[in-house]
Amino acid sequence: GKEREFLAAISWSGSSTRYADSLKGRFTISRDNN
């Protein structure tokens, strides 16, 4: 019953991240391009 909610994003290099304000401190995004 709800719309899709943004949680976190990471740039292709991993140098930039962004989080939903309500999730900071609980969720962590990372990537392993290999």
ModelCIF file with pLDDT and N, C-alpha, C, O atoms, coordinates in Angstrom:
data_MODEL
#
_entry.id   MODEL 
#
_entity.id                         1 
_entity.type                       polymer 
_entity.pdbx_number_of_molecules   1 
#
_entity_poly.entity_id                      1 
_entity_poly.type                           'polypeptide(L)' 
_entity_poly.nstd_linkage                   no 
_entity_poly.nstd_monomer                   no 
_entity_poly.pdbx_seq_one_letter_code       GKEREFLAAISWSGSSTRYADSLKGRFTISRDNN 
_entity_poly.pdbx_seq_one_letter_code_can   GKEREFLAAISWSGSSTRYADSLKGRFTISRDNN 
_entity_poly.pdbx_strand_id                 A 
#
loop_
_entity_poly_seq.entity_id 
_entity_poly_seq.num 
_entity_poly_seq.mon_id 
_entity_poly_seq.hetero 
1 1  GLY n 
1 2  LYS n 
1 3  GLU n 
1 4  ARG n 
1 5  GLU n 
1 6  PHE n 
1 7  LEU n 
1 8  ALA n 
1 9  ALA n 
1 10 ILE n 
1 11 SER n 
1 12 TRP n 
1 13 SER n 
1 14 GLY n 
1 15 SER n 
1 16 SER n 
1 17 THR n 
1 18 ARG n 
1 19 TYR n 
1 20 ALA n 
1 21 ASP n 
1 22 SER n 
1 23 LEU n 
1 24 LYS n 
1 25 GLY n 
1 26 ARG n 
1 27 PHE n 
1 28 THR n 
1 29 ILE n 
1 30 SER n 
1 31 ARG n 
1 32 ASP n 
1 33 ASN n 
1 34 ASN n 
#
_struct_asym.id          A 
_struct_asym.entity_id   1 
#
loop_
_ma_qa_metric.id 
_ma_qa_metric.mode 
_ma_qa_metric.name 
_ma_qa_metric.software_group_id 
_ma_qa_metric.type 
1 global pLDDT . pLDDT 
2 local  pLDDT . pLDDT 
#
_ma_qa_metric_global.metric_id      1 
_ma_qa_metric_global.metric_value   91.71 
_ma_qa_metric_global.model_id       1 
_ma_qa_metric_global.ordinal_id     1 
#
loop_
_ma_qa_metric_local.label_asym_id 
_ma_qa_metric_local.label_comp_id 
_ma_qa_metric_local.label_seq_id 
_ma_qa_metric_local.metric_id 
_ma_qa_metric_local.metric_value 
_ma_qa_metric_local.model_id 
_ma_qa_metric_local.ordinal_id 
A GLY 1  2 93.00 1 1  
A LYS 2  2 94.00 1 2  
A GLU 3  2 94.00 1 3  
A ARG 4  2 95.00 1 4  
A GLU 5  2 96.00 1 5  
A PHE 6  2 96.00 1 6  
A LEU 7  2 97.00 1 7  
A ALA 8  2 96.00 1 8  
A ALA 9  2 96.00 1 9  
A ILE 10 2 95.00 1 10 
A SER 11 2 91.00 1 11 
A TRP 12 2 86.00 1 12 
A SER 13 2 86.00 1 13 
A GLY 14 2 88.00 1 14 
A SER 15 2 90.00 1 15 
A SER 16 2 93.00 1 16 
A THR 17 2 95.00 1 17 
A ARG 18 2 95.00 1 18 
A TYR 19 2 96.00 1 19 
A ALA 20 2 95.00 1 20 
A ASP 21 2 91.00 1 21 
A SER 22 2 86.00 1 22 
A LEU 23 2 86.00 1 23 
A LYS 24 2 69.00 1 24 
A GLY 25 2 87.00 1 25 
A ARG 26 2 96.00 1 26 
A PHE 27 2 97.00 1 27 
A THR 28 2 97.00 1 28 
A ILE 29 2 96.00 1 29 
A SER 30 2 96.00 1 30 
A ARG 31 2 92.00 1 31 
A ASP 32 2 90.00 1 32 
A ASN 33 2 83.00 1 33 
A ASN 34 2 85.00 1 34 
#
loop_
_atom_site.group_PDB 
_atom_site.id 
_atom_site.type_symbol 
_atom_site.label_atom_id 
_atom_site.label_alt_id 
_atom_site.label_comp_id 
_atom_site.label_asym_id 
_atom_site.label_entity_id 
_atom_site.label_seq_id 
_atom_site.pdbx_PDB_ins_code 
_atom_site.Cartn_x 
_atom_site.Cartn_y 
_atom_site.Cartn_z 
_atom_site.occupancy 
_atom_site.B_iso_or_equiv 
_atom_site.pdbx_formal_charge 
_atom_site.auth_seq_id 
_atom_site.auth_comp_id 
_atom_site.auth_asym_id 
_atom_site.auth_atom_id 
_atom_site.pdbx_PDB_model_num 
ATOM 1   N N  . GLY A 1 1  ? 0.772  -1.222 0.000  1.00 93.00 ? 1  GLY A N  1 
ATOM 2   C CA . GLY A 1 1  ? 0.000  0.000  0.000  1.00 93.00 ? 1  GLY A CA 1 
ATOM 3   C C  . GLY A 1 1  ? 0.805  1.274  0.000  1.00 93.00 ? 1  GLY A C  1 
ATOM 4   O O  . GLY A 1 1  ? 0.229  2.361  0.056  1.00 93.00 ? 1  GLY A O  1 
ATOM 5   N N  . LYS A 1 2  ? 2.124  1.179  -0.061 1.00 94.00 ? 2  LYS A N  1 
ATOM 6   C CA . LYS A 1 2  ? 2.974  2.355  -0.041 1.00 94.00 ? 2  LYS A CA 1 
ATOM 7   C C  . LYS A 1 2  ? 3.817  2.430  -1.304 1.00 94.00 ? 2  LYS A C  1 
ATOM 8   O O  . LYS A 1 2  ? 4.036  1.428  -1.986 1.00 94.00 ? 2  LYS A O  1 
ATOM 9   N N  . GLU A 1 3  ? 4.284  3.633  -1.601 1.00 94.00 ? 3  GLU A N  1 
ATOM 10  C CA . GLU A 1 3  ? 5.182  3.820  -2.722 1.00 94.00 ? 3  GLU A CA 1 
ATOM 11  C C  . GLU A 1 3  ? 6.586  3.354  -2.357 1.00 94.00 ? 3  GLU A C  1 
ATOM 12  O O  . GLU A 1 3  ? 6.932  3.218  -1.184 1.00 94.00 ? 3  GLU A O  1 
ATOM 13  N N  . ARG A 1 4  ? 7.369  3.117  -3.376 1.00 95.00 ? 4  ARG A N  1 
ATOM 14  C CA . ARG A 1 4  ? 8.756  2.757  -3.126 1.00 95.00 ? 4  ARG A CA 1 
ATOM 15  C C  . ARG A 1 4  ? 9.492  3.897  -2.439 1.00 95.00 ? 4  ARG A C  1 
ATOM 16  O O  . ARG A 1 4  ? 9.366  5.062  -2.816 1.00 95.00 ? 4  ARG A O  1 
ATOM 17  N N  . GLU A 1 5  ? 10.247 3.536  -1.442 1.00 96.00 ? 5  GLU A N  1 
ATOM 18  C CA . GLU A 1 5  ? 10.932 4.487  -0.594 1.00 96.00 ? 5  GLU A CA 1 
ATOM 19  C C  . GLU A 1 5  ? 12.436 4.375  -0.797 1.00 96.00 ? 5  GLU A C  1 
ATOM 20  O O  . GLU A 1 5  ? 12.999 3.282  -0.747 1.00 96.00 ? 5  GLU A O  1 
ATOM 21  N N  . PHE A 1 6  ? 13.073 5.502  -1.024 1.00 96.00 ? 6  PHE A N  1 
ATOM 22  C CA . PHE A 1 6  ? 14.522 5.528  -1.159 1.00 96.00 ? 6  PHE A CA 1 
ATOM 23  C C  . PHE A 1 6  ? 15.182 5.242  0.173  1.00 96.00 ? 6  PHE A C  1 
ATOM 24  O O  . PHE A 1 6  ? 14.765 5.760  1.209  1.00 96.00 ? 6  PHE A O  1 
ATOM 25  N N  . LEU A 1 7  ? 16.213 4.417  0.140  1.00 97.00 ? 7  LEU A N  1 
ATOM 26  C CA . LEU A 1 7  ? 16.961 4.080  1.339  1.00 97.00 ? 7  LEU A CA 1 
ATOM 27  C C  . LEU A 1 7  ? 18.396 4.593  1.285  1.00 97.00 ? 7  LEU A C  1 
ATOM 28  O O  . LEU A 1 7  ? 18.842 5.309  2.181  1.00 97.00 ? 7  LEU A O  1 
ATOM 29  N N  . ALA A 1 8  ? 19.112 4.224  0.235  1.00 96.00 ? 8  ALA A N  1 
ATOM 30  C CA . ALA A 1 8  ? 20.525 4.554  0.149  1.00 96.00 ? 8  ALA A CA 1 
ATOM 31  C C  . ALA A 1 8  ? 20.985 4.402  -1.286 1.00 96.00 ? 8  ALA A C  1 
ATOM 32  O O  . ALA A 1 8  ? 20.395 3.648  -2.060 1.00 96.00 ? 8  ALA A O  1 
ATOM 33  N N  . ALA A 1 9  ? 22.038 5.120  -1.638 1.00 96.00 ? 9  ALA A N  1 
ATOM 34  C CA . ALA A 1 9  ? 22.622 5.018  -2.964 1.00 96.00 ? 9  ALA A CA 1 
ATOM 35  C C  . ALA A 1 9  ? 24.127 5.195  -2.866 1.00 96.00 ? 9  ALA A C  1 
ATOM 36  O O  . ALA A 1 9  ? 24.637 5.823  -1.939 1.00 96.00 ? 9  ALA A O  1 
ATOM 37  N N  . ILE A 1 10 ? 24.823 4.634  -3.834 1.00 95.00 ? 10 ILE A N  1 
ATOM 38  C CA . ILE A 1 10 ? 26.271 4.729  -3.888 1.00 95.00 ? 10 ILE A CA 1 
ATOM 39  C C  . ILE A 1 10 ? 26.688 4.931  -5.334 1.00 95.00 ? 10 ILE A C  1 
ATOM 40  O O  . ILE A 1 10 ? 26.154 4.280  -6.232 1.00 95.00 ? 10 ILE A O  1 
ATOM 41  N N  . SER A 1 11 ? 27.636 5.828  -5.565 1.00 91.00 ? 11 SER A N  1 
ATOM 42  C CA . SER A 1 11 ? 28.095 6.105  -6.911 1.00 91.00 ? 11 SER A CA 1 
ATOM 43  C C  . SER A 1 11 ? 28.876 4.927  -7.469 1.00 91.00 ? 11 SER A C  1 
ATOM 44  O O  . SER A 1 11 ? 29.246 4.006  -6.741 1.00 91.00 ? 11 SER A O  1 
ATOM 45  N N  . TRP A 1 12 ? 29.120 4.972  -8.771 1.00 86.00 ? 12 TRP A N  1 
ATOM 46  C CA . TRP A 1 12 ? 29.782 3.825  -9.403 1.00 86.00 ? 12 TRP A CA 1 
ATOM 47  C C  . TRP A 1 12 ? 31.179 3.589  -8.852 1.00 86.00 ? 12 TRP A C  1 
ATOM 48  O O  . TRP A 1 12 ? 31.634 2.446  -8.814 1.00 86.00 ? 12 TRP A O  1 
ATOM 49  N N  . SER A 1 13 ? 31.867 4.635  -8.426 1.00 86.00 ? 13 SER A N  1 
ATOM 50  C CA . SER A 1 13 ? 33.204 4.483  -7.859 1.00 86.00 ? 13 SER A CA 1 
ATOM 51  C C  . SER A 1 13 ? 33.176 4.166  -6.368 1.00 86.00 ? 13 SER A C  1 
ATOM 52  O O  . SER A 1 13 ? 34.191 3.767  -5.797 1.00 86.00 ? 13 SER A O  1 
ATOM 53  N N  . GLY A 1 14 ? 32.033 4.340  -5.747 1.00 88.00 ? 14 GLY A N  1 
ATOM 54  C CA . GLY A 1 14 ? 31.939 4.185  -4.311 1.00 88.00 ? 14 GLY A CA 1 
ATOM 55  C C  . GLY A 1 14 ? 32.362 5.402  -3.527 1.00 88.00 ? 14 GLY A C  1 
ATOM 56  O O  . GLY A 1 14 ? 32.374 5.369  -2.297 1.00 88.00 ? 14 GLY A O  1 
ATOM 57  N N  . SER A 1 15 ? 32.714 6.481  -4.215 1.00 90.00 ? 15 SER A N  1 
ATOM 58  C CA . SER A 1 15 ? 33.223 7.667  -3.540 1.00 90.00 ? 15 SER A CA 1 
ATOM 59  C C  . SER A 1 15 ? 32.128 8.514  -2.909 1.00 90.00 ? 15 SER A C  1 
ATOM 60  O O  . SER A 1 15 ? 32.402 9.311  -2.012 1.00 90.00 ? 15 SER A O  1 
ATOM 61  N N  . SER A 1 16 ? 30.909 8.353  -3.360 1.00 93.00 ? 16 SER A N  1 
ATOM 62  C CA . SER A 1 16 ? 29.799 9.149  -2.841 1.00 93.00 ? 16 SER A CA 1 
ATOM 63  C C  . SER A 1 16 ? 28.670 8.238  -2.412 1.00 93.00 ? 16 SER A C  1 
ATOM 64  O O  . SER A 1 16 ? 28.350 7.258  -3.085 1.00 93.00 ? 16 SER A O  1 
ATOM 65  N N  . THR A 1 17 ? 28.080 8.568  -1.297 1.00 95.00 ? 17 THR A N  1 
ATOM 66  C CA . THR A 1 17 ? 26.912 7.844  -0.807 1.00 95.00 ? 17 THR A CA 1 
ATOM 67  C C  . THR A 1 17 ? 25.856 8.836  -0.357 1.00 95.00 ? 17 THR A C  1 
ATOM 68  O O  . THR A 1 17 ? 26.155 9.990  -0.053 1.00 95.00 ? 17 THR A O  1 
ATOM 69  N N  . ARG A 1 18 ? 24.635 8.376  -0.318 1.00 95.00 ? 18 ARG A N  1 
ATOM 70  C CA . ARG A 1 18 ? 23.529 9.178  0.169  1.00 95.00 ? 18 ARG A CA 1 
ATOM 71  C C  . ARG A 1 18 ? 22.545 8.261  0.876  1.00 95.00 ? 18 ARG A C  1 
ATOM 72  O O  . ARG A 1 18 ? 22.302 7.136  0.438  1.00 95.00 ? 18 ARG A O  1 
ATOM 73  N N  . TYR A 1 19 ? 21.989 8.747  1.961  1.00 96.00 ? 19 TYR A N  1 
ATOM 74  C CA . TYR A 1 19 ? 21.056 7.969  2.757  1.00 96.00 ? 19 TYR A CA 1 
ATOM 75  C C  . TYR A 1 19 ? 19.785 8.758  3.017  1.00 96.00 ? 19 TYR A C  1 
ATOM 76  O O  . TYR A 1 19 ? 19.794 9.987  3.089  1.00 96.00 ? 19 TYR A O  1 
ATOM 77  N N  . ALA A 1 20 ? 18.705 8.029  3.153  1.00 95.00 ? 20 ALA A N  1 
ATOM 78  C CA . ALA A 1 20 ? 17.512 8.648  3.702  1.00 95.00 ? 20 ALA A CA 1 
ATOM 79  C C  . ALA A 1 20 ? 17.820 9.096  5.126  1.00 95.00 ? 20 ALA A C  1 
ATOM 80  O O  . ALA A 1 20 ? 18.469 8.378  5.887  1.00 95.00 ? 20 ALA A O  1 
ATOM 81  N N  . ASP A 1 21 ? 17.350 10.284 5.474  1.00 91.00 ? 21 ASP A N  1 
ATOM 82  C CA . ASP A 1 21 ? 17.689 10.851 6.778  1.00 91.00 ? 21 ASP A CA 1 
ATOM 83  C C  . ASP A 1 21 ? 17.301 9.938  7.932  1.00 91.00 ? 21 ASP A C  1 
ATOM 84  O O  . ASP A 1 21 ? 18.011 9.854  8.934  1.00 91.00 ? 21 ASP A O  1 
ATOM 85  N N  . SER A 1 22 ? 16.188 9.264  7.789  1.00 86.00 ? 22 SER A N  1 
ATOM 86  C CA . SER A 1 22 ? 15.694 8.438  8.878  1.00 86.00 ? 22 SER A CA 1 
ATOM 87  C C  . SER A 1 22 ? 16.516 7.177  9.100  1.00 86.00 ? 22 SER A C  1 
ATOM 88  O O  . SER A 1 22 ? 16.352 6.509  10.121 1.00 86.00 ? 22 SER A O  1 
ATOM 89  N N  . LEU A 1 23 ? 17.396 6.841  8.167  1.00 86.00 ? 23 LEU A N  1 
ATOM 90  C CA . LEU A 1 23 ? 18.141 5.595  8.248  1.00 86.00 ? 23 LEU A CA 1 
ATOM 91  C C  . LEU A 1 23 ? 19.590 5.768  8.665  1.00 86.00 ? 23 LEU A C  1 
ATOM 92  O O  . LEU A 1 23 ? 20.266 4.784  8.964  1.00 86.00 ? 23 LEU A O  1 
ATOM 93  N N  . LYS A 1 24 ? 20.073 6.988  8.689  1.00 69.00 ? 24 LYS A N  1 
ATOM 94  C CA . LYS A 1 24 ? 21.475 7.203  9.021  1.00 69.00 ? 24 LYS A CA 1 
ATOM 95  C C  . LYS A 1 24 ? 21.791 6.641  10.399 1.00 69.00 ? 24 LYS A C  1 
ATOM 96  O O  . LYS A 1 24 ? 21.069 6.866  11.370 1.00 69.00 ? 24 LYS A O  1 
ATOM 97  N N  . GLY A 1 25 ? 22.886 5.907  10.449 1.00 87.00 ? 25 GLY A N  1 
ATOM 98  C CA . GLY A 1 25 ? 23.287 5.284  11.691 1.00 87.00 ? 25 GLY A CA 1 
ATOM 99  C C  . GLY A 1 25 ? 22.817 3.862  11.843 1.00 87.00 ? 25 GLY A C  1 
ATOM 100 O O  . GLY A 1 25 ? 23.327 3.137  12.697 1.00 87.00 ? 25 GLY A O  1 
ATOM 101 N N  . ARG A 1 26 ? 21.852 3.433  11.037 1.00 96.00 ? 26 ARG A N  1 
ATOM 102 C CA . ARG A 1 26 ? 21.359 2.059  11.084 1.00 96.00 ? 26 ARG A CA 1 
ATOM 103 C C  . ARG A 1 26 ? 21.700 1.262  9.834  1.00 96.00 ? 26 ARG A C  1 
ATOM 104 O O  . ARG A 1 26 ? 22.013 0.075  9.922  1.00 96.00 ? 26 ARG A O  1 
ATOM 105 N N  . PHE A 1 27 ? 21.641 1.898  8.682  1.00 97.00 ? 27 PHE A N  1 
ATOM 106 C CA . PHE A 1 27 ? 21.893 1.208  7.414  1.00 97.00 ? 27 PHE A CA 1 
ATOM 107 C C  . PHE A 1 27 ? 23.180 1.729  6.792  1.00 97.00 ? 27 PHE A C  1 
ATOM 108 O O  . PHE A 1 27 ? 23.489 2.917  6.887  1.00 97.00 ? 27 PHE A O  1 
ATOM 109 N N  . THR A 1 28 ? 23.925 0.838  6.157  1.00 97.00 ? 28 THR A N  1 
ATOM 110 C CA . THR A 1 28 ? 25.165 1.198  5.504  1.00 97.00 ? 28 THR A CA 1 
ATOM 111 C C  . THR A 1 28 ? 25.224 0.548  4.132  1.00 97.00 ? 28 THR A C  1 
ATOM 112 O O  . THR A 1 28 ? 25.030 -0.661 4.004  1.00 97.00 ? 28 THR A O  1 
ATOM 113 N N  . ILE A 1 29 ? 25.491 1.344  3.113  1.00 96.00 ? 29 ILE A N  1 
ATOM 114 C CA . ILE A 1 29 ? 25.621 0.828  1.758  1.00 96.00 ? 29 ILE A CA 1 
ATOM 115 C C  . ILE A 1 29 ? 27.097 0.750  1.388  1.00 96.00 ? 29 ILE A C  1 
ATOM 116 O O  . ILE A 1 29 ? 27.888 1.614  1.766  1.00 96.00 ? 29 ILE A O  1 
ATOM 117 N N  . SER A 1 30 ? 27.456 -0.278 0.657  1.00 96.00 ? 30 SER A N  1 
ATOM 118 C CA . SER A 1 30 ? 28.815 -0.438 0.169  1.00 96.00 ? 30 SER A CA 1 
ATOM 119 C C  . SER A 1 30 ? 28.777 -1.233 -1.123 1.00 96.00 ? 30 SER A C  1 
ATOM 120 O O  . SER A 1 30 ? 27.752 -1.817 -1.474 1.00 96.00 ? 30 SER A O  1 
ATOM 121 N N  . ARG A 1 31 ? 29.890 -1.252 -1.821 1.00 92.00 ? 31 ARG A N  1 
ATOM 122 C CA . ARG A 1 31 ? 29.945 -2.042 -3.047 1.00 92.00 ? 31 ARG A CA 1 
ATOM 123 C C  . ARG A 1 31 ? 31.326 -2.624 -3.236 1.00 92.00 ? 31 ARG A C  1 
ATOM 124 O O  . ARG A 1 31 ? 32.326 -2.087 -2.760 1.00 92.00 ? 31 ARG A O  1 
ATOM 125 N N  . ASP A 1 32 ? 31.353 -3.727 -3.939 1.00 90.00 ? 32 ASP A N  1 
ATOM 126 C CA . ASP A 1 32 ? 32.584 -4.408 -4.299 1.00 90.00 ? 32 ASP A CA 1 
ATOM 127 C C  . ASP A 1 32 ? 32.519 -4.623 -5.800 1.00 90.00 ? 32 ASP A C  1 
ATOM 128 O O  . ASP A 1 32 ? 31.878 -5.560 -6.275 1.00 90.00 ? 32 ASP A O  1 
ATOM 129 N N  . ASN A 1 33 ? 33.179 -3.758 -6.537 1.00 83.00 ? 33 ASN A N  1 
ATOM 130 C CA . ASN A 1 33 ? 33.087 -3.823 -7.990 1.00 83.00 ? 33 ASN A CA 1 
ATOM 131 C C  . ASN A 1 33 ? 33.755 -5.068 -8.565 1.00 83.00 ? 33 ASN A C  1 
ATOM 132 O O  . ASN A 1 33 ? 33.399 -5.517 -9.655 1.00 83.00 ? 33 ASN A O  1 
ATOM 133 N N  . ASN A 1 34 ? 34.720 -5.624 -7.839 1.00 85.00 ? 34 ASN A N  1 
ATOM 134 C CA . ASN A 1 34 ? 35.338 -6.857 -8.305 1.00 85.00 ? 34 ASN A CA 1 
ATOM 135 C C  . ASN A 1 34 ? 34.354 -8.013 -8.316 1.00 85.00 ? 34 ASN A C  1 
ATOM 136 O O  . ASN A 1 34 ? 34.718 -9.130 -8.684 1.00 85.00 ? 34 ASN A O  1 
#
